[in-house]
Amino acid sequence: MRQNRSAAFDPAAARAAMASLDAPVLLLAGELGSGPRPHVAADIATLFPRAELTVQPGAGHYPWLDDPGRFTRTVAAFLARGHAPSIG
């Protein structure tokens, strides 16, 4: 079977794209989550120039289910700091 190499994932290109992203990025990881683990999320955050990492205490892979109130407050606070997307 012949592979289409032009459509293959290019890690260097992906890192360059993330580094050039001029937008705020919120990475929210659950403290007990399995993917990504908080230390991996921290590494990912370094790839974005305007990243903010939050680790939700006591949460697993689905922090919005583990503590919906904390999750909502975290996202709302991020958006309130001027990170809300503009529409129009």
C-alpha atoms as a PDB file:
ATOM      1  CA  MET A   1       0.000   0.000   0.000  1.00  0.00           C
ATOM      2  CA  ARG A   2       1.410   3.363  -0.986  1.00  0.00           C
ATOM      3  CA  GLN A   3       1.421   6.107   1.638  1.00  0.00           C
ATOM      4  CA  ASN A   4       0.723   9.755   0.900  1.00  0.00           C
ATOM      5  CA  ARG A   5       3.724  11.352   2.599  1.00  0.00           C
ATOM      6  CA  SER A   6       2.579  14.894   1.756  1.00  0.00           C
ATOM      7  CA  ALA A   7      -0.382  14.445   4.115  1.00  0.00           C
ATOM      8  CA  ALA A   8       1.715  13.000   6.946  1.00  0.00           C
ATOM      9  CA  PHE A   9       1.968  14.799  10.250  1.00  0.00           C
ATOM     10  CA  ASP A  10       4.992  17.087  10.370  1.00  0.00           C
ATOM     11  CA  PRO A  11       5.961  17.758  14.007  1.00  0.00           C
ATOM     12  CA  ALA A  12       8.330  20.604  13.120  1.00  0.00           C
ATOM     13  CA  ALA A  13       5.642  22.359  11.087  1.00  0.00           C
ATOM     14  CA  ALA A  14       3.106  21.873  13.875  1.00  0.00           C
ATOM     15  CA  ARG A  15       5.498  23.347  16.466  1.00  0.00           C
ATOM     16  CA  ALA A  16       6.223  26.305  14.188  1.00  0.00           C
ATOM     17  CA  ALA A  17       2.507  26.930  13.708  1.00  0.00           C
ATOM     18  CA  MET A  18       1.890  26.842  17.459  1.00  0.00           C
ATOM     19  CA  ALA A  19       4.828  29.173  18.110  1.00  0.00           C
ATOM     20  CA  SER A  20       3.432  31.700  15.648  1.00  0.00           C
ATOM     21  CA  LEU A  21      -0.116  31.635  17.037  1.00  0.00           C
ATOM     22  CA  ASP A  22      -0.928  35.117  18.289  1.00  0.00           C
ATOM     23  CA  ALA A  23      -3.916  34.137  20.392  1.00  0.00           C
ATOM     24  CA  PRO A  24      -4.390  33.306  24.048  1.00  0.00           C
ATOM     25  CA  VAL A  25      -4.591  29.575  24.719  1.00  0.00           C
ATOM     26  CA  LEU A  26      -5.996  27.962  27.846  1.00  0.00           C
ATOM     27  CA  LEU A  27      -4.745  24.474  28.623  1.00  0.00           C
ATOM     28  CA  LEU A  28      -6.759  22.905  31.397  1.00  0.00           C
ATOM     29  CA  ALA A  29      -5.604  19.535  32.721  1.00  0.00           C
ATOM     30  CA  GLY A  30      -7.093  17.437  35.464  1.00  0.00           C
ATOM     31  CA  GLU A  31      -4.694  16.744  38.314  1.00  0.00           C
ATOM     32  CA  LEU A  32      -5.504  13.032  38.104  1.00  0.00           C
ATOM     33  CA  GLY A  33      -6.056  12.891  34.349  1.00  0.00           C
ATOM     34  CA  SER A  34      -4.359  10.351  32.158  1.00  0.00           C
ATOM     35  CA  GLY A  35      -4.158  12.437  29.046  1.00  0.00           C
ATOM     36  CA  PRO A  36      -2.538  14.745  29.099  1.00  0.00           C
ATOM     37  CA  ARG A  37      -0.967  14.417  32.521  1.00  0.00           C
ATOM     38  CA  PRO A  38      -0.299  17.821  34.109  1.00  0.00           C
ATOM     39  CA  HIS A  39       3.449  17.676  33.394  1.00  0.00           C
ATOM     40  CA  VAL A  40       2.725  16.908  29.722  1.00  0.00           C
ATOM     41  CA  ALA A  41       0.215  19.773  29.563  1.00  0.00           C
ATOM     42  CA  ALA A  42       2.937  22.032  31.003  1.00  0.00           C
ATOM     43  CA  ASP A  43       5.287  20.972  28.213  1.00  0.00           C
ATOM     44  CA  ILE A  44       2.575  21.625  25.626  1.00  0.00           C
ATOM     45  CA  ALA A  45       1.968  25.080  27.097  1.00  0.00           C
ATOM     46  CA  THR A  46       5.567  26.038  26.348  1.00  0.00           C
ATOM     47  CA  LEU A  47       4.837  25.609  22.635  1.00  0.00           C
ATOM     48  CA  PHE A  48       2.374  28.525  22.597  1.00  0.00           C
ATOM     49  CA  PRO A  49       3.611  32.077  23.181  1.00  0.00           C
ATOM     50  CA  ARG A  50       0.421  33.116  25.011  1.00  0.00           C
ATOM     51  CA  ALA A  51      -0.521  29.911  26.817  1.00  0.00           C
ATOM     52  CA  GLU A  52      -1.989  29.702  30.274  1.00  0.00           C
ATOM     53  CA  LEU A  53      -1.965  26.360  32.075  1.00  0.00           C
ATOM     54  CA  THR A  54      -4.415  25.454  34.806  1.00  0.00           C
ATOM     55  CA  VAL A  55      -4.425  22.130  36.613  1.00  0.00           C
ATOM     56  CA  GLN A  56      -7.798  21.394  38.173  1.00  0.00           C
ATOM     57  CA  PRO A  57      -7.300  19.767  41.598  1.00  0.00           C
ATOM     58  CA  GLY A  58      -8.939  16.387  42.102  1.00  0.00           C
ATOM     59  CA  ALA A  59     -10.106  16.164  38.496  1.00  0.00           C
ATOM     60  CA  GLY A  60      -9.428  13.383  36.053  1.00  0.00           C
ATOM     61  CA  HIS A  61      -9.706  13.251  32.281  1.00  0.00           C
ATOM     62  CA  TYR A  62     -13.107  14.984  32.298  1.00  0.00           C
ATOM     63  CA  PRO A  63     -12.680  17.994  34.601  1.00  0.00           C
ATOM     64  CA  TRP A  64     -16.001  19.492  33.484  1.00  0.00           C
ATOM     65  CA  LEU A  65     -17.733  16.415  34.938  1.00  0.00           C
ATOM     66  CA  ASP A  66     -15.568  16.022  38.039  1.00  0.00           C
ATOM     67  CA  ASP A  67     -16.178  19.573  39.239  1.00  0.00           C
ATOM     68  CA  PRO A  68     -18.367  21.519  36.814  1.00  0.00           C
ATOM     69  CA  GLY A  69     -18.374  24.637  38.985  1.00  0.00           C
ATOM     70  CA  ARG A  70     -14.585  24.908  39.189  1.00  0.00           C
ATOM     71  CA  PHE A  71     -14.225  24.148  35.491  1.00  0.00           C
ATOM     72  CA  THR A  72     -16.771  26.822  34.567  1.00  0.00           C
ATOM     73  CA  ARG A  73     -15.155  29.393  36.860  1.00  0.00           C
ATOM     74  CA  THR A  74     -11.722  28.679  35.363  1.00  0.00           C
ATOM     75  CA  VAL A  75     -12.902  29.078  31.775  1.00  0.00           C
ATOM     76  CA  ALA A  76     -15.035  32.121  32.634  1.00  0.00           C
ATOM     77  CA  ALA A  77     -12.085  33.800  34.375  1.00  0.00           C
ATOM     78  CA  PHE A  78      -9.869  33.133  31.341  1.00  0.00           C
ATOM     79  CA  LEU A  79     -12.462  34.687  29.042  1.00  0.00           C
ATOM     80  CA  ALA A  80     -13.062  37.600  31.413  1.00  0.00           C
ATOM     81  CA  ARG A  81      -9.387  38.550  31.200  1.00  0.00           C
ATOM     82  CA  GLY A  82     -10.051  39.596  27.633  1.00  0.00           C
ATOM     83  CA  HIS A  83      -9.594  36.230  25.993  1.00  0.00           C
ATOM     84  CA  ALA A  84     -13.169  35.899  24.741  1.00  0.00           C
ATOM     85  CA  PRO A  85     -13.374  35.363  21.000  1.00  0.00           C
ATOM     86  CA  SER A  86     -14.794  38.250  18.991  1.00  0.00           C
ATOM     87  CA  ILE A  87     -17.746  37.497  16.778  1.00  0.00           C
ATOM     88  CA  GLY A  88     -18.448  39.416  13.650  1.00  0.00           C
END
